[in-house]
Structure formats: C-alpha cells, structure tokens
C-alpha atoms as a PDB file:
ATOM      1  CA  MET A   1      -0.023   0.011   0.042  1.00  0.00           C
ATOM      2  CA  ASP A   2       1.055   3.582  -0.771  1.00  0.00           C
ATOM      3  CA  PRO A   3       0.449   5.681   2.324  1.00  0.00           C
ATOM      4  CA  GLN A   4       1.169   8.811   0.441  1.00  0.00           C
ATOM      5  CA  LYS A   5      -1.475   8.230  -2.327  1.00  0.00           C
ATOM      6  CA  LEU A   6      -3.821   6.975   0.476  1.00  0.00           C
ATOM      7  CA  LYS A   7      -3.508  10.428   2.233  1.00  0.00           C
ATOM      8  CA  ASP A   8      -3.889  12.343  -0.903  1.00  0.00           C
ATOM      9  CA  ALA A   9      -7.051  10.492  -1.856  1.00  0.00           C
ATOM     10  CA  TYR A  10      -8.234  11.319   1.597  1.00  0.00           C
ATOM     11  CA  LEU A  11      -7.502  15.085   1.242  1.00  0.00           C
ATOM     12  CA  LYS A  12      -9.268  15.041  -2.029  1.00  0.00           C
ATOM     13  CA  LEU A  13     -12.322  13.308  -0.596  1.00  0.00           C
ATOM     14  CA  GLN A  14     -12.144  16.005   2.366  1.00  0.00           C
ATOM     15  CA  SER A  15     -12.062  18.838  -0.185  1.00  0.00           C
ATOM     16  CA  LEU A  16     -15.109  17.208  -2.146  1.00  0.00           C
ATOM     17  CA  ASP A  17     -17.034  17.158   0.804  1.00  0.00           C
ATOM     18  CA  ASP A  18     -16.287  20.621   1.842  1.00  0.00           C
ATOM     19  CA  ARG A  19     -17.182  21.987  -1.570  1.00  0.00           C
ATOM     20  CA  LEU A  20     -20.133  20.236  -2.727  1.00  0.00           C
ATOM     21  CA  THR A  21     -21.727  17.980  -0.145  1.00  0.00           C
ATOM     22  CA  TRP A  22     -23.793  20.632   1.081  1.00  0.00           C
ATOM     23  CA  ARG A  23     -25.182  21.502  -2.229  1.00  0.00           C
ATOM     24  CA  ILE A  24     -26.447  17.876  -2.923  1.00  0.00           C
ATOM     25  CA  ARG A  25     -27.634  17.054   0.383  1.00  0.00           C
ATOM     26  CA  PRO A  26     -31.490  16.943   0.431  1.00  0.00           C
ATOM     27  CA  ARG A  27     -33.085  19.656   2.649  1.00  0.00           C
ATOM     28  CA  ALA A  28     -35.295  18.703   5.419  1.00  0.00           C
ATOM     29  CA  GLY A  29     -38.942  19.049   4.282  1.00  0.00           C
ATOM     30  CA  GLY A  30     -38.045  19.669   0.749  1.00  0.00           C
ATOM     31  CA  PRO A  31     -38.873  22.765  -1.334  1.00  0.00           C
ATOM     32  CA  LEU A  32     -42.215  24.352  -0.815  1.00  0.00           C
ATOM     33  CA  VAL A  33     -42.182  25.295  -4.618  1.00  0.00           C
ATOM     34  CA  ARG A  34     -41.386  23.445  -7.733  1.00  0.00           C
ATOM     35  CA  PRO A  35     -37.894  24.467  -8.872  1.00  0.00           C
ATOM     36  CA  SER A  36     -37.304  26.186 -12.151  1.00  0.00           C
ATOM     37  CA  SER A  37     -35.671  24.572 -15.156  1.00  0.00           C
ATOM     38  CA  GLU A  38     -32.485  26.678 -14.361  1.00  0.00           C
ATOM     39  CA  ASN A  39     -32.416  25.500 -10.675  1.00  0.00           C
ATOM     40  CA  LEU A  40     -32.772  21.708 -11.936  1.00  0.00           C
ATOM     41  CA  GLU A  41     -29.964  22.265 -14.469  1.00  0.00           C
ATOM     42  CA  GLN A  42     -27.610  23.604 -11.691  1.00  0.00           C
ATOM     43  CA  ASP A  43     -28.456  20.856  -9.321  1.00  0.00           C
ATOM     44  CA  LEU A  44     -27.994  18.321 -12.087  1.00  0.00           C
ATOM     45  CA  ARG A  45     -24.546  19.764 -12.740  1.00  0.00           C
ATOM     46  CA  ASP A  46     -23.638  19.780  -9.001  1.00  0.00           C
ATOM     47  CA  LEU A  47     -24.517  16.261  -8.802  1.00  0.00           C
ATOM     48  CA  ALA A  48     -22.558  15.408 -11.886  1.00  0.00           C
ATOM     49  CA  THR A  49     -19.521  16.966 -10.794  1.00  0.00           C
ATOM     50  CA  TYR A  50     -19.724  15.362  -7.340  1.00  0.00           C
ATOM     51  CA  THR A  51     -20.265  11.906  -8.924  1.00  0.00           C
ATOM     52  CA  ILE A  52     -17.283  12.373 -11.220  1.00  0.00           C
ATOM     53  CA  GLU A  53     -14.801  13.761  -8.624  1.00  0.00           C
ATOM     54  CA  LEU A  54     -16.026  10.917  -6.098  1.00  0.00           C
ATOM     55  CA  LYS A  55     -15.112   8.361  -8.932  1.00  0.00           C
ATOM     56  CA  GLU A  56     -11.516   9.860  -9.196  1.00  0.00           C
ATOM     57  CA  VAL A  57     -11.165   9.710  -5.376  1.00  0.00           C
ATOM     58  CA  LEU A  58     -12.235   6.119  -5.500  1.00  0.00           C
ATOM     59  CA  ASP A  59      -9.756   5.376  -8.253  1.00  0.00           C
ATOM     60  CA  ASP A  60      -6.987   7.043  -6.401  1.00  0.00           C
ATOM     61  CA  LEU A  61      -7.926   4.978  -3.319  1.00  0.00           C
ATOM     62  CA  PHE A  62      -7.734   1.765  -5.184  1.00  0.00           C
ATOM     63  CA  GLN A  63      -4.485   2.671  -6.800  1.00  0.00           C
ATOM     64  CA  ALA A  64      -3.022   3.619  -3.201  1.00  0.00           C
ATOM     65  CA  ILE A  65      -4.091   0.299  -1.890  1.00  0.00           C
ATOM     66  CA  ALA A  66      -2.810  -1.707  -4.881  1.00  0.00           C
ATOM     67  CA  GLY A  67       0.490   0.317  -5.009  1.00  0.00           C
ATOM     68  CA  ARG A  68       3.683   0.034  -3.213  1.00  0.00           C
ATOM     69  CA  ALA A  69       5.192   2.642  -1.198  1.00  0.00           C
ATOM     70  CA  ALA A  70       7.604   5.005  -2.798  1.00  0.00           C
ATOM     71  CA  PRO A  71      11.262   3.956  -1.913  1.00  0.00           C
ATOM     72  CA  GLY A  72      12.566   5.715   1.304  1.00  0.00           C
ATOM     73  CA  ALA A  73       9.170   6.426   2.436  1.00  0.00           C
END
C-alpha cells in the first residue's frame, strides 16, 4: 500500500465534501415550490460534478491500496 497516495486520496475526498456535499444533500422537508428549469440544471450539474470527482477519489484510493510505497518512505 502507498501511504502517500492514500493520504492524497483522503485529502481530495475532504475537499470534495467541503465544496459540494452541502449542495447535493437533500433539505429537510423539501422545497415548498417547484424548482425552475435553471435550478434543476444547476442541481444536475452539481450532482454530476460530485459523482465524477467521487469516482476519481475512489480510483486514487484503489491505486493507493494496490500500489507500493515509494522508495525511502
């Protein structure tokens, strides 16, 4: 296992969480009005960005687990 890659993947996950999780988390009680087309498009963009970045973090995590530590680490 490569501990540096694992740490980097964790930091990317924390960054993703700080930047986007609050935007895609469902709100308690839900909206009282129907969202506009623009709001739905923005929400879909946020969800797509979150999904793609999460996939990249998981890929980094798998590489860290499968990889070897850098020499001298």
